[in-house]
Amino acid sequence: MGPQRKKILIVDDDPEIRRLLLRVLQAEDLELVECATGGEATDLLMEKDFDLVLLDLGLPDRHGMEVLEECSTISGPRFLIITADDTPASMLRALKDQAYGYVKKPFDHHAIVDLVREALVAPELPPIEVISAKSDWLELSVPCSRNAAERVDAFMRQLNNLPEELEQVSQAFRELLMNAVEWGGGLDPRRRVRIAFLRTPRMLQYRISDPGEGFKFEEIDHAAVSHSAGDVVSHTMIRAAKGIRGGGFGLLMVKAMADELLFNERHNEVVFIKYLDGKEEKK
């Protein structure tokens, strides 16, 4: 007997969306079940074992977040929110209630398939802890794993909703976060990185603290940021000699993007500040 097929529950009151999801997932060798209300979803989740739930928020009988909260104690299923509701309050509540991911409608078909595949095989990890869930002050404690960091990065990109000219800010955050979990945390999910994101009408600030011993710039000669301006050769030769893959421009990019970049003495905590200068409307 082969491995048992993964089981997915699709919860959406729009029959067109359910048909679309059934169609794009039918080639994935999955057992697909659909329903249209929160009550049906809760009953099905209590009766059967599911691996993943694709959950809409605007259900006719109750808010999808109520389903997520009520079923969060059920051992097994992960929740992927698929909704037209892109308000910061809903995204933050989904993160706080341990939703695996958050997708805004209309969605890209290929992106949904990729996210479903990822959610079905991702390792079990300690939860992402939400310390503060305000849209202008988000603070998280994140296990030191690439999967957790990828999920946080995806939530942050949707939550920030930055204009195109500030897309590099999201890239800078991702670079700092990945450095923290990989180098500071050693990809050990028992260790944690602490993230604080503050937003005002004129400023974005990220503060990232990792559990590592820190570093000195003179000790990371495999990174471009440790060499003089315009020298893009020395660090590549050092990386090749050490057997490190190509790259090494991340911190240099972060430094170029930041208006202010501050490290603590040990260099295991960093503050990234970007002044908006009227690039976004006052909220």
C-alpha atoms as a PDB file:
ATOM      1  CA  MET A   1       0.000   0.000   0.000  1.00  0.00           C
ATOM      2  CA  GLY A   2       1.375   3.419  -0.984  1.00  0.00           C
ATOM      3  CA  PRO A   3       1.468   6.480   1.244  1.00  0.00           C
ATOM      4  CA  GLN A   4      -1.905   7.918   2.179  1.00  0.00           C
ATOM      5  CA  ARG A   5      -2.967  10.940   0.160  1.00  0.00           C
ATOM      6  CA  LYS A   6      -2.890  14.296   1.900  1.00  0.00           C
ATOM      7  CA  LYS A   7      -6.349  15.680   2.670  1.00  0.00           C
ATOM      8  CA  ILE A   8      -7.300  19.327   2.123  1.00  0.00           C
ATOM      9  CA  LEU A   9     -10.479  21.133   3.159  1.00  0.00           C
ATOM     10  CA  ILE A  10     -11.520  24.121   1.004  1.00  0.00           C
ATOM     11  CA  VAL A  11     -13.820  26.555   2.840  1.00  0.00           C
ATOM     12  CA  ASP A  12     -15.329  29.358   0.728  1.00  0.00           C
ATOM     13  CA  ASP A  13     -18.890  30.509   0.127  1.00  0.00           C
ATOM     14  CA  ASP A  14     -18.094  31.441  -3.490  1.00  0.00           C
ATOM     15  CA  PRO A  15     -18.653  28.335  -5.669  1.00  0.00           C
ATOM     16  CA  GLU A  16     -16.442  29.802  -8.410  1.00  0.00           C
ATOM     17  CA  ILE A  17     -13.487  30.067  -6.021  1.00  0.00           C
ATOM     18  CA  ARG A  18     -14.064  26.509  -4.805  1.00  0.00           C
ATOM     19  CA  ARG A  19     -14.169  25.225  -8.389  1.00  0.00           C
ATOM     20  CA  LEU A  20     -11.024  27.170  -9.248  1.00  0.00           C
ATOM     21  CA  LEU A  21      -9.118  25.750  -6.270  1.00  0.00           C
ATOM     22  CA  LEU A  22     -10.333  22.242  -7.039  1.00  0.00           C
ATOM     23  CA  ARG A  23      -9.155  22.626 -10.627  1.00  0.00           C
ATOM     24  CA  VAL A  24      -5.670  23.984  -9.867  1.00  0.00           C
ATOM     25  CA  LEU A  25      -5.067  21.352  -7.162  1.00  0.00           C
ATOM     26  CA  GLN A  26      -6.532  18.322  -8.922  1.00  0.00           C
ATOM     27  CA  ALA A  27      -3.160  17.334 -10.423  1.00  0.00           C
ATOM     28  CA  GLU A  28      -1.492  17.164  -7.006  1.00  0.00           C
ATOM     29  CA  ASP A  29      -2.761  13.711  -5.961  1.00  0.00           C
ATOM     30  CA  LEU A  30      -4.677  15.139  -3.013  1.00  0.00           C
ATOM     31  CA  GLU A  31      -7.993  14.274  -1.400  1.00  0.00           C
ATOM     32  CA  LEU A  32     -10.025  17.477  -1.721  1.00  0.00           C
ATOM     33  CA  VAL A  33     -13.136  18.270   0.317  1.00  0.00           C
ATOM     34  CA  GLU A  34     -15.152  21.482  -0.013  1.00  0.00           C
ATOM     35  CA  CYS A  35     -17.747  23.364   1.990  1.00  0.00           C
ATOM     36  CA  ALA A  36     -19.341  26.826   2.014  1.00  0.00           C
ATOM     37  CA  THR A  37     -19.860  27.803   5.678  1.00  0.00           C
ATOM     38  CA  GLY A  38     -17.965  28.042   8.912  1.00  0.00           C
ATOM     39  CA  GLY A  39     -20.345  25.655  10.620  1.00  0.00           C
ATOM     40  CA  GLU A  40     -19.766  22.965   7.994  1.00  0.00           C
ATOM     41  CA  ALA A  41     -16.023  23.497   8.255  1.00  0.00           C
ATOM     42  CA  THR A  42     -16.019  23.116  12.031  1.00  0.00           C
ATOM     43  CA  ASP A  43     -18.111  19.927  11.847  1.00  0.00           C
ATOM     44  CA  LEU A  44     -15.838  18.423   9.188  1.00  0.00           C
ATOM     45  CA  LEU A  45     -12.706  19.303  11.151  1.00  0.00           C
ATOM     46  CA  MET A  46     -14.133  17.673  14.266  1.00  0.00           C
ATOM     47  CA  GLU A  47     -15.122  14.515  12.372  1.00  0.00           C
ATOM     48  CA  LYS A  48     -12.172  13.958  10.017  1.00  0.00           C
ATOM     49  CA  ASP A  49      -8.417  14.421   9.906  1.00  0.00           C
ATOM     50  CA  PHE A  50      -7.189  17.068   7.472  1.00  0.00           C
ATOM     51  CA  ASP A  51      -3.634  18.101   6.667  1.00  0.00           C
ATOM     52  CA  LEU A  52      -4.439  21.606   5.406  1.00  0.00           C
ATOM     53  CA  VAL A  53      -7.405  23.986   5.396  1.00  0.00           C
ATOM     54  CA  LEU A  54      -7.802  26.696   2.736  1.00  0.00           C
ATOM     55  CA  LEU A  55     -10.006  29.148   4.599  1.00  0.00           C
ATOM     56  CA  ASP A  56     -11.899  32.213   3.411  1.00  0.00           C
ATOM     57  CA  LEU A  57     -12.700  34.901   6.002  1.00  0.00           C
ATOM     58  CA  GLY A  58     -15.964  36.307   4.624  1.00  0.00           C
ATOM     59  CA  LEU A  59     -18.191  33.307   5.319  1.00  0.00           C
ATOM     60  CA  PRO A  60     -21.993  33.738   5.460  1.00  0.00           C
ATOM     61  CA  ASP A  61     -22.565  32.353   8.965  1.00  0.00           C
ATOM     62  CA  ARG A  62     -19.435  33.443  10.827  1.00  0.00           C
ATOM     63  CA  HIS A  63     -16.087  35.097  10.338  1.00  0.00           C
ATOM     64  CA  GLY A  64     -13.345  32.762   9.169  1.00  0.00           C
ATOM     65  CA  MET A  65     -11.139  33.926  12.045  1.00  0.00           C
ATOM     66  CA  GLU A  66     -13.644  32.393  14.451  1.00  0.00           C
ATOM     67  CA  VAL A  67     -13.181  29.054  12.675  1.00  0.00           C
ATOM     68  CA  LEU A  68      -9.406  29.426  12.859  1.00  0.00           C
ATOM     69  CA  GLU A  69      -9.497  30.309  16.549  1.00  0.00           C
ATOM     70  CA  GLU A  70     -11.944  27.540  17.430  1.00  0.00           C
ATOM     71  CA  CYS A  71      -9.993  24.897  15.519  1.00  0.00           C
ATOM     72  CA  SER A  72      -6.493  26.066  16.492  1.00  0.00           C
ATOM     73  CA  THR A  73      -6.476  23.492  19.297  1.00  0.00           C
ATOM     74  CA  ILE A  74      -7.079  20.620  16.858  1.00  0.00           C
ATOM     75  CA  SER A  75      -3.887  18.659  16.362  1.00  0.00           C
ATOM     76  CA  GLY A  76      -2.920  18.303  12.733  1.00  0.00           C
ATOM     77  CA  PRO A  77      -4.285  20.751  10.156  1.00  0.00           C
ATOM     78  CA  ARG A  78      -2.479  23.863   9.063  1.00  0.00           C
ATOM     79  CA  PHE A  79      -4.499  26.858   7.920  1.00  0.00           C
ATOM     80  CA  LEU A  80      -3.893  28.902   4.804  1.00  0.00           C
ATOM     81  CA  ILE A  81      -6.051  32.034   4.678  1.00  0.00           C
ATOM     82  CA  ILE A  82      -7.291  32.929   1.176  1.00  0.00           C
ATOM     83  CA  THR A  83      -9.372  36.105   1.278  1.00  0.00           C
ATOM     84  CA  ALA A  84     -10.185  39.494  -0.205  1.00  0.00           C
ATOM     85  CA  ASP A  85      -9.717  41.012   3.267  1.00  0.00           C
ATOM     86  CA  ASP A  86      -6.304  42.665   3.205  1.00  0.00           C
ATOM     87  CA  THR A  87      -6.705  44.798   6.334  1.00  0.00           C
ATOM     88  CA  PRO A  88      -3.735  44.832   8.733  1.00  0.00           C
ATOM     89  CA  ALA A  89      -6.034  43.765  11.590  1.00  0.00           C
ATOM     90  CA  SER A  90      -7.017  40.538   9.816  1.00  0.00           C
ATOM     91  CA  MET A  91      -3.460  39.738   8.745  1.00  0.00           C
ATOM     92  CA  LEU A  92      -2.139  40.289  12.258  1.00  0.00           C
ATOM     93  CA  ARG A  93      -4.901  38.200  13.811  1.00  0.00           C
ATOM     94  CA  ALA A  94      -4.148  35.379  11.368  1.00  0.00           C
ATOM     95  CA  LEU A  95      -0.471  35.505  12.314  1.00  0.00           C
ATOM     96  CA  LYS A  96      -1.346  35.549  16.012  1.00  0.00           C
ATOM     97  CA  ASP A  97      -3.658  32.537  15.599  1.00  0.00           C
ATOM     98  CA  GLN A  98      -0.858  30.585  13.890  1.00  0.00           C
ATOM     99  CA  ALA A  99      -2.157  30.597  10.312  1.00  0.00           C
ATOM    100  CA  TYR A 100       0.537  29.129   8.072  1.00  0.00           C
ATOM    101  CA  GLY A 101       0.097  31.778   5.388  1.00  0.00           C
ATOM    102  CA  TYR A 102      -2.120  34.586   4.119  1.00  0.00           C
ATOM    103  CA  VAL A 103      -3.075  34.994   0.449  1.00  0.00           C
ATOM    104  CA  LYS A 104      -5.073  37.905  -0.933  1.00  0.00           C
ATOM    105  CA  LYS A 105      -7.651  37.460  -3.680  1.00  0.00           C
ATOM    106  CA  PRO A 106      -7.325  37.513  -6.629  1.00  0.00           C
ATOM    107  CA  PHE A 107      -4.460  35.067  -6.341  1.00  0.00           C
ATOM    108  CA  ASP A 108      -1.913  33.592  -8.719  1.00  0.00           C
ATOM    109  CA  HIS A 109      -2.722  29.949  -9.474  1.00  0.00           C
ATOM    110  CA  HIS A 110       0.904  28.816  -9.513  1.00  0.00           C
ATOM    111  CA  ALA A 111       1.650  30.622  -6.248  1.00  0.00           C
ATOM    112  CA  ILE A 112      -1.251  28.816  -4.543  1.00  0.00           C
ATOM    113  CA  VAL A 113      -0.012  25.409  -5.703  1.00  0.00           C
ATOM    114  CA  ASP A 114       3.521  26.200  -4.521  1.00  0.00           C
ATOM    115  CA  LEU A 115       2.278  27.390  -1.123  1.00  0.00           C
ATOM    116  CA  VAL A 116       0.066  24.316  -0.677  1.00  0.00           C
ATOM    117  CA  ARG A 117       2.992  22.035  -1.511  1.00  0.00           C
ATOM    118  CA  GLU A 118       5.189  23.882   0.977  1.00  0.00           C
ATOM    119  CA  ALA A 119       2.588  23.809   3.759  1.00  0.00           C
ATOM    120  CA  LEU A 120       2.064  20.058   3.344  1.00  0.00           C
ATOM    121  CA  VAL A 121       5.745  19.146   3.742  1.00  0.00           C
ATOM    122  CA  ALA A 122       7.071  21.889   6.063  1.00  0.00           C
ATOM    123  CA  PRO A 123       8.573  20.537   9.302  1.00  0.00           C
ATOM    124  CA  GLU A 124       6.821  20.904  12.623  1.00  0.00           C
ATOM    125  CA  LEU A 125       8.360  23.877  14.405  1.00  0.00           C
ATOM    126  CA  PRO A 126       7.845  25.772  17.644  1.00  0.00           C
ATOM    127  CA  PRO A 127       5.229  28.491  17.062  1.00  0.00           C
ATOM    128  CA  ILE A 128       5.938  32.035  15.959  1.00  0.00           C
ATOM    129  CA  GLU A 129       5.124  34.067  19.078  1.00  0.00           C
ATOM    130  CA  VAL A 130       3.332  37.395  18.632  1.00  0.00           C
ATOM    131  CA  ILE A 131       4.415  39.794  21.372  1.00  0.00           C
ATOM    132  CA  SER A 132       2.719  42.891  19.929  1.00  0.00           C
ATOM    133  CA  ALA A 133       0.172  42.839  17.091  1.00  0.00           C
ATOM    134  CA  LYS A 134      -0.411  46.496  16.284  1.00  0.00           C
ATOM    135  CA  SER A 135      -0.098  47.577  12.659  1.00  0.00           C
ATOM    136  CA  ASP A 136       2.351  50.302  13.718  1.00  0.00           C
ATOM    137  CA  TRP A 137       4.185  48.135  16.264  1.00  0.00           C
ATOM    138  CA  LEU A 138       4.618  44.471  15.436  1.00  0.00           C
ATOM    139  CA  GLU A 139       6.904  42.374  17.610  1.00  0.00           C
ATOM    140  CA  LEU A 140       7.617  38.680  17.077  1.00  0.00           C
ATOM    141  CA  SER A 141       9.722  35.875  18.484  1.00  0.00           C
ATOM    142  CA  VAL A 142      10.662  33.554  15.619  1.00  0.00           C
ATOM    143  CA  PRO A 143      12.263  30.068  15.685  1.00  0.00           C
ATOM    144  CA  CYS A 144      15.626  30.004  13.926  1.00  0.00           C
ATOM    145  CA  SER A 145      14.554  28.139  10.797  1.00  0.00           C
ATOM    146  CA  ARG A 146      14.372  29.135   7.141  1.00  0.00           C
ATOM    147  CA  ASN A 147      10.734  28.038   6.940  1.00  0.00           C
ATOM    148  CA  ALA A 148       9.665  30.279   9.831  1.00  0.00           C
ATOM    149  CA  ALA A 149      11.684  33.178   8.417  1.00  0.00           C
ATOM    150  CA  GLU A 150      10.112  32.734   4.957  1.00  0.00           C
ATOM    151  CA  ARG A 151       6.636  32.800   6.486  1.00  0.00           C
ATOM    152  CA  VAL A 152       7.386  35.944   8.499  1.00  0.00           C
ATOM    153  CA  ASP A 153       8.856  37.603   5.415  1.00  0.00           C
ATOM    154  CA  ALA A 154       5.688  36.823   3.408  1.00  0.00           C
ATOM    155  CA  PHE A 155       3.429  38.223   6.150  1.00  0.00           C
ATOM    156  CA  MET A 156       5.556  41.358   6.468  1.00  0.00           C
ATOM    157  CA  ARG A 157       5.512  42.075   2.736  1.00  0.00           C
ATOM    158  CA  GLN A 158       1.718  41.962   2.656  1.00  0.00           C
ATOM    159  CA  LEU A 159       1.338  43.865   5.909  1.00  0.00           C
ATOM    160  CA  ASN A 160       3.701  46.678   4.871  1.00  0.00           C
ATOM    161  CA  ASN A 161       2.258  47.049   1.363  1.00  0.00           C
ATOM    162  CA  LEU A 162       5.124  49.365   0.432  1.00  0.00           C
ATOM    163  CA  PRO A 163       5.164  51.369  -2.813  1.00  0.00           C
ATOM    164  CA  GLU A 164       7.290  49.927  -5.603  1.00  0.00           C
ATOM    165  CA  GLU A 165      10.121  52.393  -5.055  1.00  0.00           C
ATOM    166  CA  LEU A 166      10.534  51.040  -1.507  1.00  0.00           C
ATOM    167  CA  GLU A 167      10.543  47.350  -2.431  1.00  0.00           C
ATOM    168  CA  GLN A 168      14.244  47.220  -1.530  1.00  0.00           C
ATOM    169  CA  VAL A 169      13.262  47.870   2.100  1.00  0.00           C
ATOM    170  CA  SER A 170      11.521  44.483   2.137  1.00  0.00           C
ATOM    171  CA  GLN A 171      14.615  42.914   0.566  1.00  0.00           C
ATOM    172  CA  ALA A 172      16.801  44.506   3.253  1.00  0.00           C
ATOM    173  CA  PHE A 173      14.551  43.135   6.006  1.00  0.00           C
ATOM    174  CA  ARG A 174      14.691  39.677   4.461  1.00  0.00           C
ATOM    175  CA  GLU A 175      18.495  39.788   4.302  1.00  0.00           C
ATOM    176  CA  LEU A 176      18.805  40.819   7.957  1.00  0.00           C
ATOM    177  CA  LEU A 177      16.253  38.209   9.068  1.00  0.00           C
ATOM    178  CA  MET A 178      17.925  35.386   7.136  1.00  0.00           C
ATOM    179  CA  ASN A 179      21.337  36.374   8.500  1.00  0.00           C
ATOM    180  CA  ALA A 180      19.893  36.288  12.025  1.00  0.00           C
ATOM    181  CA  VAL A 181      18.353  32.806  11.774  1.00  0.00           C
ATOM    182  CA  GLU A 182      21.209  31.270   9.753  1.00  0.00           C
ATOM    183  CA  TRP A 183      24.334  32.816  11.267  1.00  0.00           C
ATOM    184  CA  GLY A 184      23.086  34.060  14.631  1.00  0.00           C
ATOM    185  CA  GLY A 185      20.732  31.180  15.377  1.00  0.00           C
ATOM    186  CA  GLY A 186      22.583  28.458  13.520  1.00  0.00           C
ATOM    187  CA  LEU A 187      19.281  27.249  12.003  1.00  0.00           C
ATOM    188  CA  ASP A 188      18.414  25.733  15.380  1.00  0.00           C
ATOM    189  CA  PRO A 189      14.615  26.087  15.838  1.00  0.00           C
ATOM    190  CA  ARG A 190      15.058  25.774  19.611  1.00  0.00           C
ATOM    191  CA  ARG A 191      16.714  29.199  19.486  1.00  0.00           C
ATOM    192  CA  ARG A 192      14.819  32.376  18.624  1.00  0.00           C
ATOM    193  CA  VAL A 193      15.216  35.670  16.818  1.00  0.00           C
ATOM    194  CA  ARG A 194      13.292  38.667  18.130  1.00  0.00           C
ATOM    195  CA  ILE A 195      11.878  41.114  15.583  1.00  0.00           C
ATOM    196  CA  ALA A 196      10.283  44.509  16.158  1.00  0.00           C
ATOM    197  CA  PHE A 197       8.756  46.533  13.315  1.00  0.00           C
ATOM    198  CA  LEU A 198       7.706  50.137  13.976  1.00  0.00           C
ATOM    199  CA  ARG A 199       5.920  52.294  11.420  1.00  0.00           C
ATOM    200  CA  THR A 200       5.031  55.985  11.498  1.00  0.00           C
ATOM    201  CA  PRO A 201       3.894  58.240   8.636  1.00  0.00           C
ATOM    202  CA  ARG A 202       7.541  59.274   8.141  1.00  0.00           C
ATOM    203  CA  MET A 203       9.598  56.271   9.185  1.00  0.00           C
ATOM    204  CA  LEU A 204       9.993  52.505   8.990  1.00  0.00           C
ATOM    205  CA  GLN A 205      12.137  50.790  11.608  1.00  0.00           C
ATOM    206  CA  TYR A 206      13.180  47.163  11.947  1.00  0.00           C
ATOM    207  CA  ARG A 207      14.989  45.885  15.019  1.00  0.00           C
ATOM    208  CA  ILE A 208      16.313  42.325  14.870  1.00  0.00           C
ATOM    209  CA  SER A 209      18.079  40.552  17.714  1.00  0.00           C
ATOM    210  CA  ASP A 210      19.586  37.078  17.346  1.00  0.00           C
ATOM    211  CA  PRO A 211      20.857  34.621  19.991  1.00  0.00           C
ATOM    212  CA  GLY A 212      24.364  34.309  18.517  1.00  0.00           C
ATOM    213  CA  GLU A 213      27.736  35.485  19.742  1.00  0.00           C
ATOM    214  CA  GLY A 214      27.807  38.329  17.229  1.00  0.00           C
ATOM    215  CA  PHE A 215      30.573  39.141  14.755  1.00  0.00           C
ATOM    216  CA  LYS A 216      33.186  41.706  13.773  1.00  0.00           C
ATOM    217  CA  PHE A 217      33.269  43.175  10.285  1.00  0.00           C
ATOM    218  CA  GLU A 218      36.969  42.389   9.935  1.00  0.00           C
ATOM    219  CA  GLU A 219      36.123  38.713  10.563  1.00  0.00           C
ATOM    220  CA  ILE A 220      33.640  38.443   7.682  1.00  0.00           C
ATOM    221  CA  ASP A 221      36.067  39.077   4.843  1.00  0.00           C
ATOM    222  CA  HIS A 222      33.850  36.873   2.629  1.00  0.00           C
ATOM    223  CA  ALA A 223      31.272  39.714   2.608  1.00  0.00           C
ATOM    224  CA  ALA A 224      31.548  42.700   0.261  1.00  0.00           C
ATOM    225  CA  VAL A 225      30.676  45.110   3.079  1.00  0.00           C
ATOM    226  CA  SER A 226      34.019  44.347   4.777  1.00  0.00           C
ATOM    227  CA  HIS A 227      36.056  45.699   1.861  1.00  0.00           C
ATOM    228  CA  SER A 228      36.659  49.193   0.549  1.00  0.00           C
ATOM    229  CA  ALA A 229      34.057  50.889  -1.622  1.00  0.00           C
ATOM    230  CA  GLY A 230      34.188  49.732  -5.221  1.00  0.00           C
ATOM    231  CA  ASP A 231      36.122  46.562  -4.434  1.00  0.00           C
ATOM    232  CA  VAL A 232      33.841  43.814  -5.755  1.00  0.00           C
ATOM    233  CA  VAL A 233      36.579  41.273  -6.414  1.00  0.00           C
ATOM    234  CA  SER A 234      38.369  40.557  -3.120  1.00  0.00           C
ATOM    235  CA  HIS A 235      35.439  39.009  -1.289  1.00  0.00           C
ATOM    236  CA  THR A 236      34.511  36.798  -4.261  1.00  0.00           C
ATOM    237  CA  MET A 237      38.030  35.347  -4.323  1.00  0.00           C
ATOM    238  CA  ILE A 238      37.873  34.710  -0.565  1.00  0.00           C
ATOM    239  CA  ARG A 239      34.490  33.001  -0.915  1.00  0.00           C
ATOM    240  CA  ALA A 240      35.832  30.772  -3.673  1.00  0.00           C
ATOM    241  CA  ALA A 241      38.863  29.853  -1.570  1.00  0.00           C
ATOM    242  CA  LYS A 242      36.611  28.975   1.378  1.00  0.00           C
ATOM    243  CA  GLY A 243      34.199  26.995  -0.774  1.00  0.00           C
ATOM    244  CA  ILE A 244      31.311  29.406  -0.080  1.00  0.00           C
ATOM    245  CA  ARG A 245      28.683  29.895  -2.772  1.00  0.00           C
ATOM    246  CA  GLY A 246      28.718  33.131  -4.769  1.00  0.00           C
ATOM    247  CA  GLY A 247      27.136  36.277  -3.400  1.00  0.00           C
ATOM    248  CA  GLY A 248      28.109  38.175  -0.271  1.00  0.00           C
ATOM    249  CA  PHE A 249      26.482  41.462  -1.251  1.00  0.00           C
ATOM    250  CA  GLY A 250      23.576  41.279   1.233  1.00  0.00           C
ATOM    251  CA  LEU A 251      24.888  43.516   4.015  1.00  0.00           C
ATOM    252  CA  LEU A 252      26.272  45.944   1.459  1.00  0.00           C
ATOM    253  CA  MET A 253      22.802  46.213  -0.078  1.00  0.00           C
ATOM    254  CA  VAL A 254      21.247  46.704   3.364  1.00  0.00           C
ATOM    255  CA  LYS A 255      23.754  49.426   4.216  1.00  0.00           C
ATOM    256  CA  ALA A 256      23.059  51.223   0.929  1.00  0.00           C
ATOM    257  CA  MET A 257      19.293  51.035   1.432  1.00  0.00           C
ATOM    258  CA  ALA A 258      19.200  52.218   5.045  1.00  0.00           C
ATOM    259  CA  ASP A 259      19.066  55.847   6.078  1.00  0.00           C
ATOM    260  CA  GLU A 260      20.423  54.705   9.416  1.00  0.00           C
ATOM    261  CA  LEU A 261      21.891  51.294  10.292  1.00  0.00           C
ATOM    262  CA  LEU A 262      22.936  50.663  13.883  1.00  0.00           C
ATOM    263  CA  PHE A 263      24.534  47.588  15.450  1.00  0.00           C
ATOM    264  CA  ASN A 264      25.030  46.913  19.132  1.00  0.00           C
ATOM    265  CA  GLU A 265      28.541  46.278  20.421  1.00  0.00           C
ATOM    266  CA  ARG A 266      28.430  42.524  19.789  1.00  0.00           C
ATOM    267  CA  HIS A 267      26.743  42.943  16.393  1.00  0.00           C
ATOM    268  CA  ASN A 268      23.995  40.450  17.243  1.00  0.00           C
ATOM    269  CA  GLU A 269      21.336  43.170  17.247  1.00  0.00           C
ATOM    270  CA  VAL A 270      20.652  45.610  14.432  1.00  0.00           C
ATOM    271  CA  VAL A 271      18.320  48.567  13.874  1.00  0.00           C
ATOM    272  CA  PHE A 272      17.393  49.485  10.285  1.00  0.00           C
ATOM    273  CA  ILE A 273      15.704  52.880   9.708  1.00  0.00           C
ATOM    274  CA  LYS A 274      14.214  54.225   6.492  1.00  0.00           C
ATOM    275  CA  TYR A 275      12.739  57.732   6.387  1.00  0.00           C
ATOM    276  CA  LEU A 276       9.768  57.962   4.077  1.00  0.00           C
ATOM    277  CA  ASP A 277      10.001  61.687   3.175  1.00  0.00           C
ATOM    278  CA  GLY A 278       6.394  61.839   2.048  1.00  0.00           C
ATOM    279  CA  LYS A 279       6.602  58.579   0.064  1.00  0.00           C
ATOM    280  CA  GLU A 280       3.399  57.361   1.683  1.00  0.00           C
ATOM    281  CA  GLU A 281       0.265  59.174   2.783  1.00  0.00           C
ATOM    282  CA  LYS A 282      -0.249  59.975   6.420  1.00  0.00           C
ATOM    283  CA  LYS A 283      -2.665  57.471   7.951  1.00  0.00           C
END
